[in-house]
Protein backbone atom coordinates (compact mmCIF):
# COMPACT_ATOMS: atom_id res chain seq x y z
CA MET A 1 0.00 0.00 0.00
CA ALA A 2 1.37 3.39 -0.95
CA ALA A 3 2.53 5.67 1.81
CA PRO A 4 0.46 8.81 2.25
CA PRO A 5 1.70 11.64 0.01
CA SER A 6 4.07 13.89 1.88
CA ASN A 7 3.75 17.65 1.94
CA ARG A 8 5.53 19.61 -0.73
CA LEU A 9 8.71 21.43 0.20
CA PRO A 10 8.53 25.05 -0.95
CA PHE A 11 11.41 26.15 1.24
CA LEU A 12 13.96 23.97 -0.52
CA LEU A 13 13.22 24.76 -4.13
CA ARG A 14 13.64 27.14 -3.95
CA GLY A 15 35.92 39.06 -22.09
CA ARG A 16 38.83 39.76 -19.87
CA LEU A 17 40.14 42.58 -17.63
CA PRO A 18 43.23 44.68 -18.27
CA LEU A 19 46.13 44.03 -15.93
CA ARG A 20 46.83 46.98 -13.64
CA PRO A 21 49.79 47.90 -11.37
CA ARG A 22 48.68 47.63 -7.76
CA PRO A 23 50.20 48.53 -4.37
CA THR A 24 50.25 45.73 -1.78
CA THR A 25 47.69 45.66 0.99
CA THR A 26 47.07 42.88 3.51
CA ARG A 27 43.69 42.26 5.07
CA PRO A 28 42.70 39.69 7.71
CA LEU A 29 40.24 36.90 7.13
CA PRO A 30 36.83 37.82 8.54
CA PHE A 31 36.79 34.52 10.43
CA GLY A 32 39.81 35.47 12.49
CA THR A 33 41.57 32.13 11.98
CA ALA A 34 43.89 32.86 9.07
CA ARG A 35 45.10 35.69 6.90
CA ARG A 36 44.22 36.44 3.31
CA TYR A 37 47.24 37.37 1.23
CA GLY A 38 47.35 40.96 0.09
CA THR A 39 46.49 41.83 -3.51
CA ASN A 40 48.10 44.56 -5.53
CA VAL A 41 45.26 47.00 -6.27
CA GLU A 42 45.08 50.36 -7.94
CA ASP A 43 42.24 51.33 -5.70
CA LYS A 44 41.94 50.10 -2.11
CA ASN A 45 38.17 50.00 -2.52
CA GLU A 46 38.50 47.20 -5.07
CA LEU A 47 40.21 44.96 -2.51
CA ASP A 48 37.62 45.92 0.09
CA LYS A 49 34.84 44.95 -2.32
CA GLU A 50 36.45 41.59 -3.18
CA THR A 51 36.99 40.78 0.49
CA ARG A 52 33.44 41.75 1.43
CA GLU A 53 31.97 39.70 -1.43
CA GLY A 54 34.06 36.68 -0.51
CA ALA A 55 32.94 36.91 3.11
CA GLN A 56 29.29 37.36 2.05
CA HIS A 57 29.40 34.34 -0.27
CA ASP A 58 31.06 32.26 2.45
CA ALA A 59 28.38 33.35 4.92
CA ALA A 60 25.63 32.47 2.42
CA ALA A 61 27.02 28.94 2.16
CA ASP A 62 27.16 28.64 5.96
CA GLN A 63 23.61 29.89 6.38
CA ALA A 64 22.27 27.51 3.73
CA THR A 65 24.05 24.57 5.39
CA ASP A 66 22.62 25.48 8.80
CA THR A 67 19.13 25.67 7.29
CA SER A 68 19.67 22.38 5.51
CA ARG A 69 20.72 20.67 8.72
CA SER A 70 17.70 21.88 10.69
CA ASP A 71 15.24 21.24 7.85
CA THR A 72 16.22 17.59 7.53
CA LYS A 73 16.53 16.67 11.17
CA SER A 74 13.42 14.57 10.75
CA ALA A 75 10.52 14.03 8.40
CA GLN A 76 8.31 15.96 10.82
CA ALA A 77 10.69 18.91 10.71
CA ILE A 78 10.19 19.04 6.95
CA VAL A 79 6.41 19.10 7.36
CA ASP A 80 6.64 21.72 10.13
CA GLU A 81 8.90 23.98 8.09
CA ALA A 82 6.60 23.74 5.08
CA SER A 83 3.43 24.34 7.07
CA SER A 84 4.94 27.25 8.97
CA ARG A 85 5.03 29.27 5.77
CA SER A 86 2.14 31.09 4.21
CA ASP A 87 2.53 29.27 0.88
CA SER A 88 -0.20 26.76 0.12
CA GLU A 89 0.57 23.60 -1.87
CA SER A 90 -0.99 25.06 -4.99
CA SER A 91 1.07 28.22 -4.72
CA VAL A 92 4.19 26.10 -4.24
CA VAL A 93 3.57 24.36 -7.57
CA SER A 94 2.92 27.75 -9.15
CA ASP A 95 6.15 29.12 -7.69
CA LEU A 96 8.05 26.13 -9.05
CA LYS A 97 6.68 26.73 -12.54
CA ASP A 98 7.41 30.44 -12.35
CA TRP A 99 11.07 30.18 -11.34
CA GLU A 100 11.79 27.19 -13.55
CA MET A 101 10.00 28.36 -16.66
CA ASN A 102 11.21 31.94 -16.42
CA PRO A 103 14.48 31.85 -14.47
CA ASN A 104 15.87 35.27 -13.68
CA PHE A 105 19.61 35.01 -14.33
CA LYS A 106 20.06 38.73 -13.84
CA ILE A 107 19.90 38.35 -10.09
CA GLU A 108 22.65 40.10 -8.15
CA SER A 109 22.14 38.86 -4.60
CA PHE A 110 20.69 35.95 -2.65
CA SER A 111 17.68 38.09 -1.74
CA ASP A 112 16.73 38.00 -5.46
CA LEU A 113 16.27 34.21 -5.43
CA PRO A 114 12.66 32.91 -5.66
CA HIS A 115 12.43 32.59 -1.87
CA ALA A 116 14.62 32.73 1.24
CA ASN A 117 15.55 29.04 1.46
CA PHE A 118 15.73 28.37 -2.25
CA GLY A 119 18.29 25.70 -3.11
CA VAL A 120 19.49 24.92 0.41
CA ASN A 121 19.21 21.22 -0.51
CA GLN A 122 22.50 21.77 -2.40
CA HIS A 123 24.29 22.36 0.90
CA ILE A 124 25.11 19.05 2.55
CA PRO A 125 25.49 19.18 6.38
CA PHE A 126 29.09 18.47 7.23
CA ASP A 127 31.62 17.98 10.02
CA ALA A 128 32.16 21.52 11.31
CA GLU A 129 35.94 21.33 11.82
CA PHE A 130 36.60 19.74 8.42
CA LYS A 131 34.35 22.34 6.79
CA GLU A 132 36.38 25.18 8.33
CA VAL A 133 39.60 23.64 7.01
CA LEU A 134 38.12 23.43 3.51
CA LYS A 135 36.74 26.99 3.68
CA ALA A 136 40.22 28.33 4.45
CA ILE A 137 41.56 27.04 1.10
CA PRO A 138 39.89 29.69 -1.16
CA TRP A 139 41.11 32.41 1.22
CA ALA A 140 44.70 31.31 0.56
CA PHE A 141 44.40 32.70 -3.00
CA ARG A 142 44.87 36.39 -3.75
CA ALA A 143 42.91 36.12 -6.99
CA PRO A 144 39.17 36.60 -6.32
CA ILE A 145 37.07 33.41 -6.22
CA ARG A 146 33.31 33.89 -6.61
CA TYR A 147 32.16 30.30 -6.20
CA ALA A 148 33.91 27.26 -4.75
CA PHE A 149 33.11 23.67 -3.90
CA ALA A 150 35.04 20.58 -2.79
CA TYR A 151 34.16 17.17 -4.18
CA GLY A 152 35.39 13.64 -4.73
CA SER A 153 36.48 10.76 -2.54
CA GLY A 154 38.72 13.00 -0.45
CA VAL A 155 35.59 14.77 0.81
CA PHE A 156 32.84 12.14 0.47
CA PRO A 157 34.26 8.63 1.16
CA GLN A 158 33.43 6.07 -1.52
CA SER A 159 34.14 3.03 0.64
CA LYS A 160 33.47 1.98 4.21
CA SER A 161 36.21 2.30 6.79
CA ASN A 162 38.53 -0.69 6.89
CA GLY A 163 39.58 0.10 10.46
CA LYS A 164 43.09 0.95 9.36
CA THR A 165 44.90 3.87 10.97
CA ALA A 166 47.38 5.66 8.73
CA THR A 167 50.82 6.21 10.21
CA PRO A 168 52.15 9.77 10.55
CA GLU A 169 54.55 9.02 7.69
CA GLU A 170 51.69 7.87 5.42
CA VAL A 171 49.68 10.99 6.21
CA LYS A 172 52.67 13.28 5.71
CA ALA A 173 53.41 11.68 2.33
CA ILE A 174 50.06 13.08 1.11
CA HIS A 175 49.43 16.11 3.35
CA PRO A 176 52.74 17.64 4.55
CA LYS A 177 51.06 19.48 7.45
CA CYS A 178 47.78 17.64 7.80
CA PRO A 179 45.21 19.29 10.11
CA PRO A 180 43.66 16.79 12.57
CA ALA A 181 40.19 17.37 11.06
CA VAL A 182 41.42 16.18 7.64
CA ALA A 183 43.16 13.09 9.06
CA ARG A 184 40.07 12.21 11.05
CA HIS A 185 37.66 12.73 8.15
CA GLN A 186 39.73 10.72 5.66
CA ASP A 187 39.82 7.92 8.20
CA GLY A 188 43.11 6.15 7.65
CA THR A 189 43.27 6.73 3.87
CA PRO A 190 44.78 10.17 3.18
CA LYS A 191 43.82 11.49 -0.24
CA MET A 192 44.20 14.59 -2.36
CA ILE A 193 41.19 16.91 -2.02
CA ASP A 194 39.55 18.24 -5.19
CA PHE A 195 38.17 21.78 -5.61
CA ILE A 196 36.46 23.81 -8.32
CA PHE A 197 36.83 27.60 -8.28
CA GLY A 198 34.39 29.77 -10.25
CA VAL A 199 35.91 33.09 -11.36
CA SER A 200 34.70 36.16 -13.23
CA HIS A 201 37.64 36.70 -15.62
CA THR A 202 40.02 33.85 -16.42
CA GLN A 203 43.05 35.79 -17.75
CA HIS A 204 42.90 38.30 -14.91
CA TRP A 205 42.57 35.49 -12.37
CA HIS A 206 45.49 33.46 -13.71
CA SER A 207 47.65 36.58 -13.95
CA LEU A 208 47.17 37.23 -10.23
CA ASN A 209 47.47 33.58 -9.27
CA MET A 210 50.66 33.02 -11.29
CA LYS A 211 52.33 35.85 -9.37
CA GLN A 212 51.44 34.21 -6.08
CA HIS A 213 51.55 30.49 -6.99
CA ARG A 214 53.84 30.12 -10.00
CA ASP A 215 54.80 26.64 -8.76
CA HIS A 216 51.19 25.47 -9.26
CA TYR A 217 51.54 25.81 -13.04
CA SER A 218 53.28 23.86 -15.75
CA GLY A 219 55.68 25.33 -18.29
CA LEU A 220 52.66 26.70 -20.16
CA ALA A 221 52.65 29.61 -17.72
CA THR A 222 55.92 30.89 -19.20
CA LEU A 223 53.83 32.02 -22.16
CA GLY A 224 51.76 34.24 -19.88
CA SER A 225 48.21 34.37 -18.52
CA GLY A 226 46.82 34.90 -22.02
CA ALA A 227 48.05 31.47 -23.14
CA VAL A 228 46.78 29.83 -19.95
CA SER A 229 43.31 31.37 -20.28
CA TYR A 230 43.20 30.50 -23.99
CA VAL A 231 43.88 26.81 -23.26
CA GLN A 232 41.30 26.89 -20.47
CA ASP A 233 38.49 28.54 -22.40
CA ARG A 234 39.06 27.13 -25.90
CA MET A 235 40.00 23.51 -25.18
CA GLY A 236 37.97 20.79 -23.51
CA ALA A 237 35.20 21.72 -21.11
CA GLY A 238 36.52 25.14 -20.11
CA VAL A 239 38.30 24.04 -16.93
CA TYR A 240 41.98 24.49 -16.04
CA PHE A 241 43.29 22.03 -13.44
CA ASN A 242 46.34 22.41 -11.22
CA PRO A 243 46.81 19.04 -9.45
CA TYR A 244 49.17 17.95 -6.66
CA VAL A 245 49.74 21.34 -5.08
CA VAL A 246 50.01 21.99 -1.35
CA VAL A 247 47.88 24.73 0.20
CA ASN A 248 47.73 25.22 3.98
CA GLY A 249 49.61 21.95 4.40
CA ILE A 250 46.99 19.96 2.42
CA LEU A 251 47.50 18.31 -0.97
CA ILE A 252 44.81 19.56 -3.33
CA LYS A 253 43.80 19.70 -6.97
CA TYR A 254 41.86 22.75 -8.08
CA GLY A 255 40.06 23.48 -11.31
CA VAL A 256 39.35 27.02 -12.47
CA VAL A 257 36.23 27.76 -14.53
CA LEU A 258 34.62 30.92 -15.84
CA LEU A 259 31.33 31.48 -14.01
CA LYS A 260 29.48 32.02 -17.29
CA THR A 261 30.78 28.67 -18.60
CA LEU A 262 29.63 26.94 -15.42
CA GLU A 263 26.20 28.60 -15.55
CA GLU A 264 25.62 27.60 -19.18
CA ASP A 265 26.66 24.01 -18.58
CA LEU A 266 24.30 23.77 -15.60
CA THR A 267 21.33 25.14 -17.51
CA ASN A 268 21.93 23.84 -21.06
CA TRP A 269 24.14 20.77 -20.52
CA ASP A 270 26.60 21.96 -23.16
CA THR A 271 29.28 19.49 -21.99
CA LEU A 272 27.91 17.96 -18.75
CA TYR A 273 31.48 18.11 -17.46
CA LEU A 274 30.81 20.23 -14.38
CA ALA A 275 27.04 19.82 -14.40
CA GLY A 276 27.65 16.07 -13.98
CA ARG A 277 29.94 16.63 -11.01
CA LEU A 278 27.22 18.69 -9.36
CA HIS A 279 24.67 15.88 -9.89
CA LYS A 280 26.42 14.23 -6.95
CA PRO A 281 26.83 15.58 -3.40
CA VAL A 282 29.53 18.25 -3.14
CA LYS A 283 30.52 20.62 -0.36
CA ILE A 284 29.81 24.19 -1.44
CA LEU A 285 32.23 26.50 0.37
CA ARG A 286 31.53 29.81 -1.35
CA ASP A 287 28.10 30.27 -2.91
CA ASP A 288 26.81 32.48 -5.71
CA PRO A 289 23.12 33.31 -6.32
CA LYS A 290 23.20 32.78 -10.10
CA ILE A 291 24.98 29.45 -9.74
CA ARG A 292 22.60 28.31 -7.01
CA LEU A 293 19.67 29.01 -9.33
CA ALA A 294 21.37 27.34 -12.30
CA ASN A 295 22.32 24.29 -10.25
CA GLN A 296 18.75 23.81 -9.02
CA ILE A 297 17.72 23.62 -12.69
CA ASN A 298 20.60 21.19 -13.28
CA LEU A 299 19.45 18.89 -10.46
CA LEU A 300 15.88 18.89 -11.73
CA SER A 301 17.14 18.02 -15.21
CA ALA A 302 19.18 15.12 -13.82
CA LEU A 303 16.14 13.83 -11.93
CA ARG A 304 13.91 14.02 -15.03
CA THR A 305 16.52 12.31 -17.23
CA ALA A 306 16.84 9.50 -14.70
CA LEU A 307 13.07 9.05 -14.58
CA LEU A 308 12.99 8.70 -18.38
CA LEU A 309 15.57 5.93 -18.04
CA LEU A 310 13.79 4.06 -15.24
CA PRO A 311 10.75 1.72 -15.17
CA PRO A 312 7.48 2.50 -13.32
CA LYS A 313 8.82 1.04 -10.04
CA PHE A 314 12.36 1.44 -8.75
CA THR A 315 14.40 1.97 -5.60
CA GLU A 316 16.23 5.01 -4.32
CA GLU A 317 19.55 3.31 -4.97
CA GLU A 318 18.56 2.70 -8.60
CA LEU A 319 17.47 6.32 -8.97
CA TYR A 320 20.66 7.80 -7.50
CA ALA A 321 22.88 5.35 -9.39
CA THR A 322 21.18 6.39 -12.64
CA ILE A 323 21.76 10.06 -11.82
CA ALA A 324 25.37 9.53 -10.72
CA GLY A 325 26.06 7.45 -13.83
CA ILE A 326 25.00 10.18 -16.27
CA SER A 327 28.35 11.96 -16.23
CA TYR A 328 30.33 8.73 -16.67
CA LEU A 329 28.48 7.40 -19.73
CA GLY A 330 30.66 9.20 -22.25
CA ASP A 331 33.79 9.62 -20.11
CA PRO A 332 36.74 8.01 -21.94
CA ARG A 333 38.34 7.11 -18.59
CA MET A 334 35.57 4.57 -17.97
CA ALA A 335 36.48 2.74 -21.19
CA LEU A 336 40.16 2.58 -20.23
CA PRO A 337 41.87 0.89 -17.25
CA THR A 338 42.06 4.25 -15.48
CA GLU A 339 38.96 4.28 -13.29
CA ASN A 340 37.41 1.98 -10.72
CA PRO A 341 34.69 0.02 -12.58
CA SER A 342 32.55 0.08 -9.42
CA LYS A 343 32.85 3.84 -9.03
CA VAL A 344 29.15 4.69 -9.39
CA LYS A 345 28.11 1.88 -7.06
CA ASN A 346 30.63 3.03 -4.45
CA ILE A 347 29.60 6.69 -4.70
CA VAL A 348 25.92 5.94 -4.15
CA GLY A 349 26.29 3.08 -1.66
CA ASN A 350 28.35 5.17 0.73
CA ASN A 351 26.43 8.43 0.34
CA MET A 352 22.79 7.39 0.25
CA THR A 353 21.63 9.95 2.82
CA ASN A 354 23.54 12.75 1.09
CA PHE A 355 21.88 11.89 -2.23
CA ARG A 356 18.50 11.85 -0.48
CA ARG A 357 19.22 15.25 1.02
CA LEU A 358 20.06 16.57 -2.43
CA TYR A 359 17.07 15.15 -4.34
CA LEU A 360 14.28 14.60 -1.81
CA PRO A 361 12.94 18.19 -2.07
CA LEU A 362 12.89 17.91 -5.87
CA ILE A 363 11.18 14.53 -5.81
CA GLU A 364 8.54 16.06 -3.56
CA THR A 365 7.80 18.83 -6.04
CA LEU A 366 7.45 16.76 -9.23
CA PRO A 367 3.86 15.63 -9.89
CA ASN A 368 4.72 12.29 -11.48
CA VAL A 369 6.97 10.58 -8.90
CA GLU A 370 6.57 9.75 -5.22
CA PHE A 371 7.81 7.47 -2.49
CA ASN A 372 5.81 4.27 -2.14
CA ASP A 373 7.33 2.80 0.99
CA PRO A 374 6.11 2.46 4.59
CA GLY A 375 9.60 3.48 5.66
CA THR A 376 8.72 7.13 5.04
CA SER A 377 6.42 7.03 8.09
CA ALA A 378 9.33 6.29 10.43
CA LYS A 379 10.76 9.07 12.56
CA ASP A 380 13.98 10.58 11.18
CA TRP A 381 13.73 8.44 8.03
CA VAL A 382 15.41 11.21 6.06
CA TRP A 383 18.77 10.36 7.60
CA GLU A 384 18.30 6.59 7.77
CA ALA A 385 20.62 4.67 5.43
CA SER A 386 17.71 2.73 3.95
CA ASN A 387 16.85 1.95 0.35
CA LEU A 388 13.22 3.01 -0.14
CA ASN A 389 10.86 2.30 -3.04
CA LEU A 390 9.45 4.87 -5.45
CA VAL A 391 6.88 4.84 -8.26
CA GLN A 392 6.41 7.14 -11.24
CA ASP A 393 3.42 7.93 -13.42
CA MET A 394 4.05 6.72 -17.00
CA ASP A 395 1.31 8.95 -18.47
CA PRO A 396 2.59 10.15 -21.91
CA VAL A 397 1.49 13.73 -21.24
CA LYS A 398 3.52 14.00 -18.03
CA ARG A 399 6.51 12.23 -19.51
CA GLY A 400 6.26 14.40 -22.63
CA ASN A 401 6.44 17.44 -20.36
CA MET A 402 9.66 16.03 -18.87
CA VAL A 403 11.20 15.74 -22.34
CA ARG A 404 10.21 19.32 -23.17
CA ARG A 405 11.84 20.54 -19.95
CA LEU A 406 15.21 18.88 -20.53
CA PRO A 407 18.16 21.29 -20.97
CA LYS A 408 18.16 23.06 -24.31
CA SER A 409 21.36 21.66 -25.86
CA PHE A 410 20.62 18.15 -24.62
CA ARG A 411 16.99 18.27 -25.78
CA SER A 412 18.02 19.41 -29.27
CA ARG A 413 20.28 16.39 -29.64
CA LEU A 414 17.47 14.07 -28.54
CA TYR A 415 15.05 15.69 -31.01
CA PHE A 416 17.56 15.15 -33.80
CA GLN A 417 17.82 11.45 -32.91
CA TYR A 418 14.06 11.00 -33.12
CA GLN A 419 13.69 13.15 -36.21
CA ARG A 420 16.05 10.71 -37.88
CA LYS A 421 14.33 7.63 -36.41
CA PHE A 422 10.86 8.79 -37.47
CA ALA A 423 12.30 9.81 -40.88
CA ILE A 424 10.83 13.31 -40.63
CA PRO A 425 12.12 15.60 -43.44
CA GLN A 426 13.87 18.71 -42.12
CA LEU A 427 11.34 21.17 -43.59
CA GLU A 428 8.45 19.17 -42.18
CA PHE A 429 10.18 18.92 -38.82
CA ASN A 430 10.79 22.68 -38.70
CA LYS A 431 7.16 23.31 -39.64
CA MET A 432 5.95 20.88 -36.95
CA MET A 433 8.03 22.60 -34.26
CA GLU A 434 6.79 26.00 -35.39
CA GLU A 435 3.18 24.84 -35.36
CA SER A 436 3.59 23.49 -31.85
CA LYS A 437 4.59 26.99 -30.79
CA ASN A 438 1.57 28.51 -32.48
CA GLU A 439 -0.88 25.88 -31.21
CA ASP A 440 -0.50 27.05 -27.67
CA SER A 441 2.04 29.78 -27.12
CA ILE A 442 1.44 29.67 -23.38
CA SER A 443 2.12 25.93 -23.05
CA PHE A 444 5.19 26.24 -25.28
CA LYS A 445 6.49 29.11 -23.19
CA ARG A 446 5.83 27.07 -20.07
CA ARG A 447 7.66 24.18 -21.72
CA GLU A 448 4.82 21.69 -21.89
CA GLY A 449 5.29 18.78 -24.27
CA GLY A 450 3.33 18.47 -27.51
CA GLY A 451 2.62 15.63 -29.92
CA PHE A 452 6.27 15.11 -30.86
CA GLU A 453 7.38 14.78 -27.24
CA ARG A 454 4.54 12.37 -26.47
CA ARG A 455 5.51 10.32 -29.50
CA ILE A 456 9.06 10.13 -28.15
CA VAL A 457 8.06 8.83 -24.71
CA GLN A 458 5.67 6.30 -26.23
CA ASP A 459 8.57 4.72 -28.09
CA ASP A 460 9.69 1.25 -26.98
CA PRO A 461 11.24 1.75 -23.48
CA THR A 462 14.44 -0.04 -24.48
CA GLU A 463 14.76 2.16 -27.58
CA LEU A 464 14.06 5.33 -25.59
CA ARG A 465 16.71 4.47 -23.00
CA SER A 466 19.17 3.68 -25.77
CA TYR A 467 18.63 7.04 -27.49
CA ILE A 468 18.91 9.00 -24.26
CA ARG A 469 22.15 7.23 -23.36
CA GLU A 470 23.49 7.89 -26.84
CA VAL A 471 22.73 11.60 -26.48
CA ILE A 472 24.47 11.64 -23.09
CA LYS A 473 27.54 10.04 -24.66
CA GLN A 474 27.50 12.55 -27.53
CA THR A 475 27.33 15.41 -25.04
CA ILE A 476 30.15 14.22 -22.81
CA SER A 477 32.56 12.31 -25.03
CA TRP A 478 34.38 15.03 -26.97
CA PRO A 479 34.70 17.66 -24.17
CA ALA A 480 35.83 14.98 -21.67
CA THR A 481 38.33 13.53 -24.15
CA THR A 482 39.87 16.89 -25.05
CA GLN A 483 39.88 17.89 -21.38
CA SER A 484 41.92 14.75 -20.61
CA LEU A 485 44.23 15.30 -23.57
CA LYS A 486 45.15 18.81 -22.44
CA GLY A 487 46.28 17.39 -19.06
CA PRO A 488 49.99 17.16 -19.99
CA LEU A 489 49.86 20.73 -21.30
CA THR A 490 48.24 22.24 -18.19
CA SER A 491 49.61 19.96 -15.47
CA GLY A 492 52.95 18.92 -16.94
CA TRP A 493 54.08 15.40 -17.78
CA THR A 494 55.24 14.50 -14.26
CA ARG A 495 51.96 15.31 -12.56
CA THR A 496 49.93 13.82 -15.40
CA TRP A 497 51.88 10.55 -15.15
CA ARG A 498 51.39 10.46 -11.37
CA TYR A 499 47.65 11.05 -11.80
CA LEU A 500 47.43 8.32 -14.44
CA MET A 501 49.28 5.80 -12.25
CA GLU A 502 46.96 6.50 -9.31
CA LYS A 503 43.89 6.07 -11.51
CA MET A 504 45.21 2.77 -12.87
CA ALA A 505 45.87 1.59 -9.32
CA LYS A 506 42.23 2.38 -8.45
CA TYR A 507 41.13 0.40 -11.50
CA ARG A 508 43.14 -2.66 -10.43
CA GLU A 509 41.86 -2.33 -6.89
CA GLY A 510 38.27 -2.17 -8.13
CA LYS A 511 38.70 -5.19 -10.42
CA ALA A 512 40.27 -7.20 -7.59
CA LYS A 513 37.38 -6.35 -5.30
CA GLU A 514 34.87 -7.31 -8.00
CA ALA A 515 36.59 -10.68 -8.45
CA GLU A 516 36.60 -11.23 -4.69
CA GLU A 517 32.89 -10.43 -4.40
CA LYS A 518 32.10 -12.70 -7.36
CA GLU A 519 34.05 -15.56 -5.76
CA GLU A 520 32.24 -15.10 -2.45
CA SER A 521 28.89 -15.09 -4.26
CA GLU A 522 29.71 -18.32 -6.09
CA GLU A 523 30.82 -19.96 -2.85
CA LYS A 524 27.51 -19.04 -1.21
CA LYS A 525 25.58 -20.52 -4.13
CA ALA A 526 27.65 -23.70 -3.95
């Protein structure tokens, strides 16, 4: 028997610069725990503005995390928070349509978001001491960082603790001056920690960063910040990685991306390179209102794509594994012996509650999917590491709407696949799409599916899944391949070789574990 429908969650849906000579000024961190390096500025007010904005964006991330923690303390807390607001369920659905159908990307501050707690589901509650260590990393850079998050197995473990305690020598081999919070969080297996930094102007940023951290760069930096920014913006997915660098005593890898590039990938799925990383739990350290809005759209798109790939009944683990697997479908590393073959399974299996925290509010707002499990009536079920059942409505109209609301670039590729399958001549196809606009301009503006979308979702389920997967591969394959190929250029051969050897070691480890599990399974059957 289906569990009673839970209340909706309105509160959770919610060029380049010239280089200038600058005198040195040093300002303290607002947190009082470390110092931010001084930046050469022509005008002291510019440094003041950058420092204030950094502190404000850090504080926004902290506030969202605190809200996230209190909102998900229990299932009842979710209901209480929702009912304590003046929004009715119908107005919540209306609000969802308004912000999703007509997103305002001209927002300048967090107060411009659709409502106060919009998008706090993106902020995963975290160990406080470890979070403070991670937050100090962006402040160690003079160049202004507008948005930052930490991700990967160094932040979210992808395997259960083996009880091993790393020796001081083993820890020091990875993190030269490892803070206790990092050693404790990584639990006996010290690892490099991955970051993404969103910046406003790539050449300007690299120019400042190369003056402070020239040792982070390969020989490419000898050609100047223009060459570095050109390689970043024109090759691959628009990200420039500096791996195996030590900041505040911690070994890290950081990728630099233009905020506009990140925003477009989140909303349109141009490459799915960073959008795919944000499909999984990450720790946002410095938030940005435009990126929070864009990422909420990205998460909804991932959920809808997964639903199109899944049958009428499925489990949470199947849902999250489908979402997590999107970004790996076209990744060349998965076809080579350079990645753990059980990576997706490990990510989901060891982070079930974090995935639930990320997607539960979005599941609650979609009209065609719901939990169908008595476990949702248990107290504090939100944080229980259980694998609950869900069901989705396979009505062609609702599923056609999901297709229509997929990201623009991704949806265009899917339309092309079905135009070819249905053998629709180009002129006829263009006329059909134009007529669908004219039939109901309101529904088209609100991105409601028409006859073509309904025809797509009524295709054989196996065929539909195959086409969607093919489009995912087309989206990811070339940007991911070129991003990998530019590794030796941006990181240098030594660091690239080290990275490759570590990835191959993970692959062998994963294959060995698979063989061990298979042998145990066969022994049980025998």
